[in-house]
C-alpha atoms as a PDB file:
ATOM      1  CA  UNK A   1      30.305 -50.348 -46.802  1.00  0.00           C
ATOM      2  CA  UNK A   2      30.447 -53.895 -48.198  1.00  0.00           C
ATOM      3  CA  UNK A   3      30.700 -57.632 -47.491  1.00  0.00           C
ATOM      4  CA  UNK A   4      32.469 -59.189 -44.372  1.00  0.00           C
ATOM      5  CA  UNK A   5      33.704 -62.892 -44.905  1.00  0.00           C
ATOM      6  CA  UNK A   6      32.440 -64.875 -42.001  1.00  0.00           C
ATOM      7  CA  UNK A   7      33.761 -68.275 -43.433  1.00  0.00           C
ATOM      8  CA  UNK A   8      35.771 -69.223 -46.568  1.00  0.00           C
ATOM      9  CA  UNK A   9      35.194 -72.388 -48.519  1.00  0.00           C
ATOM     10  CA  UNK A  10      32.432 -75.188 -48.391  1.00  0.00           C
ATOM     11  CA  UNK A  11      29.473 -74.241 -46.418  1.00  0.00           C
ATOM     12  CA  UNK A  12      26.896 -76.706 -45.040  1.00  0.00           C
ATOM     13  CA  UNK A  13      24.752 -77.728 -42.072  1.00  0.00           C
ATOM     14  CA  UNK A  14      27.101 -76.386 -39.618  1.00  0.00           C
ATOM     15  CA  UNK A  15      26.989 -72.790 -40.810  1.00  0.00           C
ATOM     16  CA  UNK A  16      23.268 -73.263 -41.465  1.00  0.00           C
ATOM     17  CA  UNK A  17      22.687 -74.108 -37.784  1.00  0.00           C
ATOM     18  CA  UNK A  18      24.456 -70.928 -36.679  1.00  0.00           C
ATOM     19  CA  UNK A  19      22.641 -68.727 -39.124  1.00  0.00           C
ATOM     20  CA  UNK A  20      18.870 -69.344 -38.706  1.00  0.00           C
ATOM     21  CA  UNK A  21      18.174 -66.886 -41.643  1.00  0.00           C
ATOM     22  CA  UNK A  22      20.119 -66.150 -44.656  1.00  0.00           C
ATOM     23  CA  UNK A  23      19.957 -65.590 -48.259  1.00  0.00           C
ATOM     24  CA  UNK A  24      21.276 -68.158 -50.966  1.00  0.00           C
ATOM     25  CA  UNK A  25      20.454 -69.838 -54.253  1.00  0.00           C
ATOM     26  CA  UNK A  26      16.942 -71.146 -54.637  1.00  0.00           C
ATOM     27  CA  UNK A  27      16.282 -74.869 -54.543  1.00  0.00           C
ATOM     28  CA  UNK A  28      15.441 -76.819 -57.594  1.00  0.00           C
ATOM     29  CA  UNK A  29      17.259 -74.871 -60.048  1.00  0.00           C
ATOM     30  CA  UNK A  30      17.920 -76.516 -63.593  1.00  0.00           C
ATOM     31  CA  UNK A  31      21.419 -77.096 -64.637  1.00  0.00           C
ATOM     32  CA  UNK A  32      21.135 -74.683 -67.334  1.00  0.00           C
ATOM     33  CA  UNK A  33      20.089 -71.701 -64.968  1.00  0.00           C
ATOM     34  CA  UNK A  34      22.632 -68.856 -65.497  1.00  0.00           C
ATOM     35  CA  UNK A  35      21.321 -65.878 -63.452  1.00  0.00           C
ATOM     36  CA  UNK A  36      18.482 -65.598 -60.737  1.00  0.00           C
ATOM     37  CA  UNK A  37      17.712 -63.704 -57.478  1.00  0.00           C
ATOM     38  CA  UNK A  38      18.844 -64.887 -54.255  1.00  0.00           C
ATOM     39  CA  UNK A  39      16.088 -66.216 -51.955  1.00  0.00           C
ATOM     40  CA  UNK A  40      15.808 -66.130 -48.009  1.00  0.00           C
ATOM     41  CA  UNK A  41      16.114 -69.514 -46.297  1.00  0.00           C
ATOM     42  CA  UNK A  42      14.530 -69.580 -43.004  1.00  0.00           C
ATOM     43  CA  UNK A  43      14.214 -71.641 -40.001  1.00  0.00           C
ATOM     44  CA  UNK A  44      14.436 -75.350 -40.361  1.00  0.00           C
ATOM     45  CA  UNK A  45      17.952 -75.604 -38.832  1.00  0.00           C
ATOM     46  CA  UNK A  46      18.888 -72.972 -41.318  1.00  0.00           C
ATOM     47  CA  UNK A  47      18.612 -75.534 -44.222  1.00  0.00           C
ATOM     48  CA  UNK A  48      15.901 -73.793 -46.045  1.00  0.00           C
ATOM     49  CA  UNK A  49      12.342 -74.914 -45.471  1.00  0.00           C
ATOM     50  CA  UNK A  50      11.184 -71.465 -46.292  1.00  0.00           C
ATOM     51  CA  UNK A  51      11.666 -71.198 -49.843  1.00  0.00           C
ATOM     52  CA  UNK A  52       8.354 -69.246 -50.654  1.00  0.00           C
ATOM     53  CA  UNK A  53       9.847 -65.839 -49.970  1.00  0.00           C
ATOM     54  CA  UNK A  54      10.937 -64.184 -53.210  1.00  0.00           C
ATOM     55  CA  UNK A  55      12.312 -60.952 -52.228  1.00  0.00           C
ATOM     56  CA  UNK A  56      16.080 -60.482 -52.772  1.00  0.00           C
ATOM     57  CA  UNK A  57      16.555 -57.063 -50.962  1.00  0.00           C
ATOM     58  CA  UNK A  58      19.292 -57.191 -48.215  1.00  0.00           C
ATOM     59  CA  UNK A  59      19.981 -54.678 -45.682  1.00  0.00           C
ATOM     60  CA  UNK A  60      22.465 -53.967 -43.029  1.00  0.00           C
ATOM     61  CA  UNK A  61      23.256 -57.155 -41.215  1.00  0.00           C
ATOM     62  CA  UNK A  62      22.011 -59.536 -43.792  1.00  0.00           C
ATOM     63  CA  UNK A  63      23.825 -62.870 -44.264  1.00  0.00           C
ATOM     64  CA  UNK A  64      24.306 -64.650 -47.437  1.00  0.00           C
ATOM     65  CA  UNK A  65      25.662 -68.207 -48.165  1.00  0.00           C
ATOM     66  CA  UNK A  66      27.612 -68.308 -51.548  1.00  0.00           C
ATOM     67  CA  UNK A  67      27.762 -72.190 -52.536  1.00  0.00           C
ATOM     68  CA  UNK A  68      30.645 -73.597 -54.799  1.00  0.00           C
ATOM     69  CA  UNK A  69      30.027 -72.772 -58.387  1.00  0.00           C
ATOM     70  CA  UNK A  70      28.217 -69.688 -58.103  1.00  0.00           C
ATOM     71  CA  UNK A  71      29.072 -65.909 -57.744  1.00  0.00           C
ATOM     72  CA  UNK A  72      27.085 -63.272 -56.083  1.00  0.00           C
ATOM     73  CA  UNK A  73      26.304 -59.744 -57.479  1.00  0.00           C
ATOM     74  CA  UNK A  74      24.854 -57.009 -55.282  1.00  0.00           C
ATOM     75  CA  UNK A  75      23.248 -54.342 -57.220  1.00  0.00           C
ATOM     76  CA  UNK A  76      21.543 -50.863 -56.214  1.00  0.00           C
ATOM     77  CA  UNK A  77      19.578 -48.841 -58.803  1.00  0.00           C
ATOM     78  CA  UNK A  78      20.976 -50.980 -61.760  1.00  0.00           C
ATOM     79  CA  UNK A  79      24.510 -50.586 -60.690  1.00  0.00           C
ATOM     80  CA  UNK A  80      26.842 -53.300 -59.380  1.00  0.00           C
ATOM     81  CA  UNK A  81      28.071 -52.623 -55.649  1.00  0.00           C
ATOM     82  CA  UNK A  82      29.645 -55.929 -54.858  1.00  0.00           C
ATOM     83  CA  UNK A  83      30.851 -59.153 -56.440  1.00  0.00           C
ATOM     84  CA  UNK A  84      31.849 -62.459 -54.852  1.00  0.00           C
ATOM     85  CA  UNK A  85      33.438 -65.619 -56.614  1.00  0.00           C
ATOM     86  CA  UNK A  86      34.743 -67.283 -53.467  1.00  0.00           C
ATOM     87  CA  UNK A  87      32.287 -69.950 -51.807  1.00  0.00           C
ATOM     88  CA  UNK A  88      31.375 -69.012 -48.086  1.00  0.00           C
ATOM     89  CA  UNK A  89      29.385 -67.125 -45.727  1.00  0.00           C
ATOM     90  CA  UNK A  90      29.116 -63.387 -45.897  1.00  0.00           C
ATOM     91  CA  UNK A  91      27.439 -60.639 -43.981  1.00  0.00           C
ATOM     92  CA  UNK A  92      26.470 -57.134 -45.476  1.00  0.00           C
ATOM     93  CA  UNK A  93      27.639 -54.333 -43.355  1.00  0.00           C
ATOM     94  CA  UNK A  94      27.423 -50.581 -43.978  1.00  0.00           C
ATOM     95  CA  UNK A  95      29.737 -49.493 -40.947  1.00  0.00           C
ATOM     96  CA  UNK A  96      32.606 -52.086 -40.886  1.00  0.00           C
ATOM     97  CA  UNK A  97      36.015 -50.854 -41.855  1.00  0.00           C
ATOM     98  CA  UNK A  98      36.926 -54.502 -42.663  1.00  0.00           C
ATOM     99  CA  UNK A  99      34.224 -55.003 -45.263  1.00  0.00           C
ATOM    100  CA  UNK A 100      34.941 -54.883 -49.017  1.00  0.00           C
ATOM    101  CA  UNK A 101      33.157 -55.274 -52.215  1.00  0.00           C
ATOM    102  CA  UNK A 102      35.070 -57.745 -54.168  1.00  0.00           C
ATOM    103  CA  UNK A 103      35.974 -61.299 -53.497  1.00  0.00           C
ATOM    104  CA  UNK A 104      37.412 -62.728 -56.652  1.00  0.00           C
ATOM    105  CA  UNK A 105      39.767 -65.371 -55.192  1.00  0.00           C
ATOM    106  CA  UNK A 106      42.347 -67.047 -57.291  1.00  0.00           C
ATOM    107  CA  UNK A 107      40.417 -69.022 -59.868  1.00  0.00           C
ATOM    108  CA  UNK A 108      39.807 -68.292 -63.575  1.00  0.00           C
ATOM    109  CA  UNK A 109      37.252 -65.813 -62.762  1.00  0.00           C
ATOM    110  CA  UNK A 110      39.772 -63.541 -61.028  1.00  0.00           C
ATOM    111  CA  UNK A 111      41.640 -63.004 -64.142  1.00  0.00           C
ATOM    112  CA  UNK A 112      38.678 -61.325 -66.026  1.00  0.00           C
ATOM    113  CA  UNK A 113      36.883 -59.709 -63.159  1.00  0.00           C
ATOM    114  CA  UNK A 114      39.532 -57.157 -62.042  1.00  0.00           C
ATOM    115  CA  UNK A 115      39.277 -55.018 -64.989  1.00  0.00           C
ATOM    116  CA  UNK A 116      35.545 -55.090 -65.249  1.00  0.00           C
ATOM    117  CA  UNK A 117      35.056 -54.316 -61.594  1.00  0.00           C
ATOM    118  CA  UNK A 118      37.244 -51.184 -61.927  1.00  0.00           C
ATOM    119  CA  UNK A 119      35.375 -50.093 -64.881  1.00  0.00           C
ATOM    120  CA  UNK A 120      31.521 -50.731 -63.446  1.00  0.00           C
ATOM    121  CA  UNK A 121      31.955 -50.620 -59.671  1.00  0.00           C
ATOM    122  CA  UNK A 122      29.594 -48.443 -57.630  1.00  0.00           C
ATOM    123  CA  UNK A 123      29.868 -47.731 -54.056  1.00  0.00           C
ATOM    124  CA  UNK A 124      26.071 -47.228 -53.454  1.00  0.00           C
ATOM    125  CA  UNK A 125      24.855 -45.584 -50.246  1.00  0.00           C
ATOM    126  CA  UNK A 126      25.586 -46.519 -46.608  1.00  0.00           C
ATOM    127  CA  UNK A 127      22.650 -48.354 -45.095  1.00  0.00           C
ATOM    128  CA  UNK A 128      20.754 -48.649 -48.296  1.00  0.00           C
ATOM    129  CA  UNK A 129      19.055 -51.822 -49.705  1.00  0.00           C
ATOM    130  CA  UNK A 130      21.038 -53.940 -51.986  1.00  0.00           C
ATOM    131  CA  UNK A 131      19.444 -56.424 -54.560  1.00  0.00           C
ATOM    132  CA  UNK A 132      21.261 -59.882 -54.413  1.00  0.00           C
ATOM    133  CA  UNK A 133      21.580 -62.071 -57.463  1.00  0.00           C
ATOM    134  CA  UNK A 134      23.483 -65.191 -58.102  1.00  0.00           C
ATOM    135  CA  UNK A 135      25.259 -66.019 -61.341  1.00  0.00           C
ATOM    136  CA  UNK A 136      26.354 -69.585 -62.291  1.00  0.00           C
ATOM    137  CA  UNK A 137      30.190 -70.083 -62.580  1.00  0.00           C
ATOM    138  CA  UNK A 138      29.667 -73.604 -63.778  1.00  0.00           C
ATOM    139  CA  UNK A 139      29.407 -75.082 -67.377  1.00  0.00           C
ATOM    140  CA  UNK A 140      26.077 -74.652 -68.594  1.00  0.00           C
ATOM    141  CA  UNK A 141      25.181 -77.494 -70.767  1.00  0.00           C
ATOM    142  CA  UNK A 142      22.742 -78.372 -73.549  1.00  0.00           C
ATOM    143  CA  UNK A 143      22.933 -75.378 -75.626  1.00  0.00           C
ATOM    144  CA  UNK A 144      22.067 -76.492 -79.102  1.00  0.00           C
ATOM    145  CA  UNK A 145      23.181 -75.515 -82.825  1.00  0.00           C
ATOM    146  CA  UNK A 146      22.225 -76.711 -86.254  1.00  0.00           C
ATOM    147  CA  UNK A 147      21.734 -75.831 -89.756  1.00  0.00           C
ATOM    148  CA  UNK A 148      18.865 -76.263 -92.031  1.00  0.00           C
ATOM    149  CA  UNK A 149      20.736 -75.936 -95.231  1.00  0.00           C
ATOM    150  CA  UNK A 150      24.437 -76.527 -96.066  1.00  0.00           C
ATOM    151  CA  UNK A 151      27.241 -74.409 -94.931  1.00  0.00           C
ATOM    152  CA  UNK A 152      30.325 -74.185 -97.040  1.00  0.00           C
ATOM    153  CA  UNK A 153      34.022 -73.660 -95.957  1.00  0.00           C
ATOM    154  CA  UNK A 154      37.424 -73.823 -97.402  1.00  0.00           C
ATOM    155  CA  UNK A 155      38.926 -77.256 -96.525  1.00  0.00           C
ATOM    156  CA  UNK A 156      42.860 -77.484 -95.900  1.00  0.00           C
ATOM    157  CA  UNK A 157      42.918 -81.219 -96.375  1.00  0.00           C
ATOM    158  CA  UNK A 158      40.778 -81.646 -99.429  1.00  0.00           C
ATOM    159  CA  UNK A 159      42.013 -78.385-100.846  1.00  0.00           C
ATOM    160  CA  UNK A 160      38.578 -77.209-101.925  1.00  0.00           C
ATOM    161  CA  UNK A 161      35.179 -75.945-100.782  1.00  0.00           C
ATOM    162  CA  UNK A 162      33.211 -78.367 -99.081  1.00  0.00           C
ATOM    163  CA  UNK A 163      29.573 -78.221 -97.475  1.00  0.00           C
ATOM    164  CA  UNK A 164      27.390 -80.080 -94.836  1.00  0.00           C
ATOM    165  CA  UNK A 165      24.514 -79.844 -92.934  1.00  0.00           C
ATOM    166  CA  UNK A 166      25.371 -80.278 -88.983  1.00  0.00           C
ATOM    167  CA  UNK A 167      23.902 -80.103 -85.571  1.00  0.00           C
ATOM    168  CA  UNK A 168      25.068 -80.518 -82.110  1.00  0.00           C
ATOM    169  CA  UNK A 169      25.343 -78.921 -78.572  1.00  0.00           C
ATOM    170  CA  UNK A 170      27.868 -76.769 -76.650  1.00  0.00           C
ATOM    171  CA  UNK A 171      28.549 -75.932 -73.034  1.00  0.00           C
ATOM    172  CA  UNK A 172      28.757 -72.309 -72.029  1.00  0.00           C
ATOM    173  CA  UNK A 173      30.661 -70.706 -69.219  1.00  0.00           C
ATOM    174  CA  UNK A 174      30.306 -67.056 -67.978  1.00  0.00           C
ATOM    175  CA  UNK A 175      33.936 -66.082 -67.632  1.00  0.00           C
ATOM    176  CA  UNK A 176      33.096 -62.464 -66.668  1.00  0.00           C
ATOM    177  CA  UNK A 177      29.872 -62.021 -64.564  1.00  0.00           C
ATOM    178  CA  UNK A 178      30.005 -58.421 -64.697  1.00  0.00           C
ATOM    179  CA  UNK A 179      30.325 -57.920 -68.364  1.00  0.00           C
ATOM    180  CA  UNK A 180      27.631 -60.475 -68.570  1.00  0.00           C
ATOM    181  CA  UNK A 181      24.955 -58.765 -66.561  1.00  0.00           C
ATOM    182  CA  UNK A 182      25.982 -55.078 -67.481  1.00  0.00           C
ATOM    183  CA  UNK A 183      26.140 -55.793 -71.226  1.00  0.00           C
ATOM    184  CA  UNK A 184      23.901 -58.550 -72.041  1.00  0.00           C
ATOM    185  CA  UNK A 185      21.226 -59.546 -69.440  1.00  0.00           C
ATOM    186  CA  UNK A 186      17.921 -57.942 -70.202  1.00  0.00           C
ATOM    187  CA  UNK A 187      16.664 -55.680 -67.269  1.00  0.00           C
ATOM    188  CA  UNK A 188      13.564 -57.813 -67.343  1.00  0.00           C
ATOM    189  CA  UNK A 189      15.543 -60.852 -65.651  1.00  0.00           C
ATOM    190  CA  UNK A 190      16.970 -58.584 -62.769  1.00  0.00           C
ATOM    191  CA  UNK A 191      14.187 -59.185 -60.583  1.00  0.00           C
ATOM    192  CA  UNK A 192      12.753 -61.631 -58.040  1.00  0.00           C
ATOM    193  CA  UNK A 193      11.354 -65.001 -59.487  1.00  0.00           C
ATOM    194  CA  UNK A 194      12.942 -64.587 -62.932  1.00  0.00           C
ATOM    195  CA  UNK A 195      15.674 -67.172 -64.085  1.00  0.00           C
ATOM    196  CA  UNK A 196      17.933 -66.335 -67.068  1.00  0.00           C
ATOM    197  CA  UNK A 197      18.265 -69.734 -69.012  1.00  0.00           C
ATOM    198  CA  UNK A 198      19.953 -69.992 -72.130  1.00  0.00           C
ATOM    199  CA  UNK A 199      17.848 -72.948 -73.102  1.00  0.00           C
ATOM    200  CA  UNK A 200      14.748 -71.217 -72.683  1.00  0.00           C
ATOM    201  CA  UNK A 201      12.900 -70.958 -75.856  1.00  0.00           C
ATOM    202  CA  UNK A 202      11.222 -67.624 -74.739  1.00  0.00           C
ATOM    203  CA  UNK A 203      14.578 -66.132 -73.947  1.00  0.00           C
ATOM    204  CA  UNK A 204      15.374 -63.713 -76.934  1.00  0.00           C
ATOM    205  CA  UNK A 205      18.683 -63.002 -75.723  1.00  0.00           C
ATOM    206  CA  UNK A 206      19.546 -66.711 -75.821  1.00  0.00           C
ATOM    207  CA  UNK A 207      18.064 -66.972 -79.179  1.00  0.00           C
ATOM    208  CA  UNK A 208      20.400 -64.369 -80.468  1.00  0.00           C
ATOM    209  CA  UNK A 209      23.381 -66.379 -79.302  1.00  0.00           C
ATOM    210  CA  UNK A 210      21.837 -69.401 -81.206  1.00  0.00           C
ATOM    211  CA  UNK A 211      21.678 -67.322 -84.346  1.00  0.00           C
ATOM    212  CA  UNK A 212      25.230 -66.146 -83.659  1.00  0.00           C
ATOM    213  CA  UNK A 213      26.712 -69.531 -83.233  1.00  0.00           C
ATOM    214  CA  UNK A 214      25.031 -70.850 -86.612  1.00  0.00           C
ATOM    215  CA  UNK A 215      26.644 -67.792 -88.193  1.00  0.00           C
ATOM    216  CA  UNK A 216      29.989 -68.796 -86.874  1.00  0.00           C
ATOM    217  CA  UNK A 217      29.889 -72.520 -87.880  1.00  0.00           C
ATOM    218  CA  UNK A 218      31.396 -72.008 -91.402  1.00  0.00           C
ATOM    219  CA  UNK A 219      34.406 -69.929 -90.290  1.00  0.00           C
ATOM    220  CA  UNK A 220      34.703 -72.429 -87.264  1.00  0.00           C
ATOM    221  CA  UNK A 221      34.917 -75.405 -89.722  1.00  0.00           C
ATOM    222  CA  UNK A 222      37.302 -73.366 -91.926  1.00  0.00           C
ATOM    223  CA  UNK A 223      39.477 -72.584 -88.769  1.00  0.00           C
ATOM    224  CA  UNK A 224      39.483 -76.169 -87.630  1.00  0.00           C
ATOM    225  CA  UNK A 225      40.417 -77.814 -91.083  1.00  0.00           C
ATOM    226  CA  UNK A 226      43.120 -75.162 -91.939  1.00  0.00           C
ATOM    227  CA  UNK A 227      44.717 -75.540 -88.433  1.00  0.00           C
ATOM    228  CA  UNK A 228      47.918 -78.036 -88.893  1.00  0.00           C
ATOM    229  CA  UNK A 229      47.856 -78.821 -85.312  1.00  0.00           C
ATOM    230  CA  UNK A 230      44.390 -80.694 -85.725  1.00  0.00           C
ATOM    231  CA  UNK A 231      45.531 -82.597 -88.810  1.00  0.00           C
ATOM    232  CA  UNK A 232      43.501 -80.714 -91.267  1.00  0.00           C
ATOM    233  CA  UNK A 233      41.001 -83.514 -91.020  1.00  0.00           C
ATOM    234  CA  UNK A 234      37.280 -82.768 -91.045  1.00  0.00           C
ATOM    235  CA  UNK A 235      36.679 -86.491 -90.166  1.00  0.00           C
ATOM    236  CA  UNK A 236      38.407 -85.984 -86.864  1.00  0.00           C
ATOM    237  CA  UNK A 237      36.004 -83.276 -85.682  1.00  0.00           C
ATOM    238  CA  UNK A 238      33.397 -85.536 -84.214  1.00  0.00           C
ATOM    239  CA  UNK A 239      35.946 -87.047 -81.880  1.00  0.00           C
ATOM    240  CA  UNK A 240      37.664 -83.664 -80.964  1.00  0.00           C
ATOM    241  CA  UNK A 241      35.041 -81.887 -78.888  1.00  0.00           C
ATOM    242  CA  UNK A 242      37.716 -79.597 -77.180  1.00  0.00           C
ATOM    243  CA  UNK A 243      39.547 -78.833 -80.365  1.00  0.00           C
ATOM    244  CA  UNK A 244      36.289 -77.665 -82.314  1.00  0.00           C
ATOM    245  CA  UNK A 245      35.103 -75.748 -79.267  1.00  0.00           C
ATOM    246  CA  UNK A 246      38.315 -73.764 -79.332  1.00  0.00           C
ATOM    247  CA  UNK A 247      37.575 -73.084 -83.205  1.00  0.00           C
ATOM    248  CA  UNK A 248      34.029 -72.386 -82.539  1.00  0.00           C
ATOM    249  CA  UNK A 249      35.094 -70.066 -79.753  1.00  0.00           C
ATOM    250  CA  UNK A 250      37.657 -68.204 -81.794  1.00  0.00           C
ATOM    251  CA  UNK A 251      35.064 -67.658 -84.563  1.00  0.00           C
ATOM    252  CA  UNK A 252      32.390 -66.378 -82.358  1.00  0.00           C
ATOM    253  CA  UNK A 253      34.774 -64.270 -80.584  1.00  0.00           C
ATOM    254  CA  UNK A 254      35.910 -62.672 -84.170  1.00  0.00           C
ATOM    255  CA  UNK A 255      32.391 -62.189 -85.260  1.00  0.00           C
ATOM    256  CA  UNK A 256      30.451 -61.095 -82.039  1.00  0.00           C
ATOM    257  CA  UNK A 257      32.943 -60.637 -79.366  1.00  0.00           C
ATOM    258  CA  UNK A 258      31.374 -62.908 -76.740  1.00  0.00           C
ATOM    259  CA  UNK A 259      34.226 -62.785 -74.460  1.00  0.00           C
ATOM    260  CA  UNK A 260      35.239 -59.181 -74.543  1.00  0.00           C
ATOM    261  CA  UNK A 261      31.851 -57.633 -74.587  1.00  0.00           C
ATOM    262  CA  UNK A 262      29.617 -60.267 -72.818  1.00  0.00           C
ATOM    263  CA  UNK A 263      31.954 -62.325 -70.645  1.00  0.00           C
ATOM    264  CA  UNK A 264      30.821 -65.605 -72.346  1.00  0.00           C
ATOM    265  CA  UNK A 265      32.966 -68.421 -73.748  1.00  0.00           C
ATOM    266  CA  UNK A 266      32.044 -71.827 -75.417  1.00  0.00           C
ATOM    267  CA  UNK A 267      34.086 -74.559 -73.431  1.00  0.00           C
ATOM    268  CA  UNK A 268      33.068 -77.868 -75.015  1.00  0.00           C
ATOM    269  CA  UNK A 269      31.040 -79.184 -78.128  1.00  0.00           C
ATOM    270  CA  UNK A 270      29.392 -82.213 -79.239  1.00  0.00           C
ATOM    271  CA  UNK A 271      28.760 -82.428 -82.863  1.00  0.00           C
ATOM    272  CA  UNK A 272      25.633 -84.887 -83.201  1.00  0.00           C
ATOM    273  CA  UNK A 273      25.740 -85.362 -86.920  1.00  0.00           C
ATOM    274  CA  UNK A 274      27.446 -83.945 -90.167  1.00  0.00           C
ATOM    275  CA  UNK A 275      25.781 -84.599 -93.394  1.00  0.00           C
ATOM    276  CA  UNK A 276      28.185 -83.818 -96.074  1.00  0.00           C
ATOM    277  CA  UNK A 277      26.693 -82.571 -99.635  1.00  0.00           C
ATOM    278  CA  UNK A 278      27.052 -84.751-102.717  1.00  0.00           C
ATOM    279  CA  UNK A 279      30.229 -83.348-104.108  1.00  0.00           C
ATOM    280  CA  UNK A 280      31.947 -83.735-100.709  1.00  0.00           C
ATOM    281  CA  UNK A 281      30.891 -87.078-100.255  1.00  0.00           C
ATOM    282  CA  UNK A 282      32.609 -88.085-103.521  1.00  0.00           C
ATOM    283  CA  UNK A 283      35.612 -86.289-102.591  1.00  0.00           C
ATOM    284  CA  UNK A 284      35.943 -87.998 -99.212  1.00  0.00           C
ATOM    285  CA  UNK A 285      35.500 -91.485-101.019  1.00  0.00           C
ATOM    286  CA  UNK A 286      38.216 -90.474-103.382  1.00  0.00           C
ATOM    287  CA  UNK A 287      40.692 -89.300-100.694  1.00  0.00           C
END
């Protein structure tokens, strides 16, 4: 029981013409959408005029198109029965000996997914219904951070403690979709019509991430300014989005285990502003 790969790689109108009815990602998703149910796409030459259907339950013989940049998760009774990270067309079969339950590909996600799959995989029952969800494998932008009061860290270049109010944004990436769904996503999002969005102000799980990032800023600044490879200069931080992202990601991992427990990683940062406190401003003038 599992998925049979019908076509590998980019999929488009040709496959849509062959498959009059299939499941795929909904239309009109925001760029920040991380997890959502698959939707049936109907007859208009297979290209999806029927977007009103919301059920994501597939059965024997159901066809699914996985676009570039997305992973497919199949679930039964809350347990993951299959995962796909390779774009292409698939058919769910309960009786095909060539079917399998994981298509991880050779990309970045495959290095993370194998261990989690062996830990959480569930075979399901032949012929039973499976719930289909898509998870974004792209960078998810516009996640904001900011402090209302000064944060303080030990600065390697100034050789003293300095403080600042700061704000900016970061991009997230789901590096292990199985960990992300099993350990972090609330059950209320694992149903048709719901979209898990990190930028949604009503998403309590996303708000928790915001608080954890803010709590990690001071150690991240300390890691950055005490790293000789980055020149120990806080003044470089606004032009070094990747370098500070590495420091922030390391601080978040040390404090909250985003990657190892939740399958999340910070990829890039953009610091919009840093307002140093009075003592730090005087030090910077002197130095």
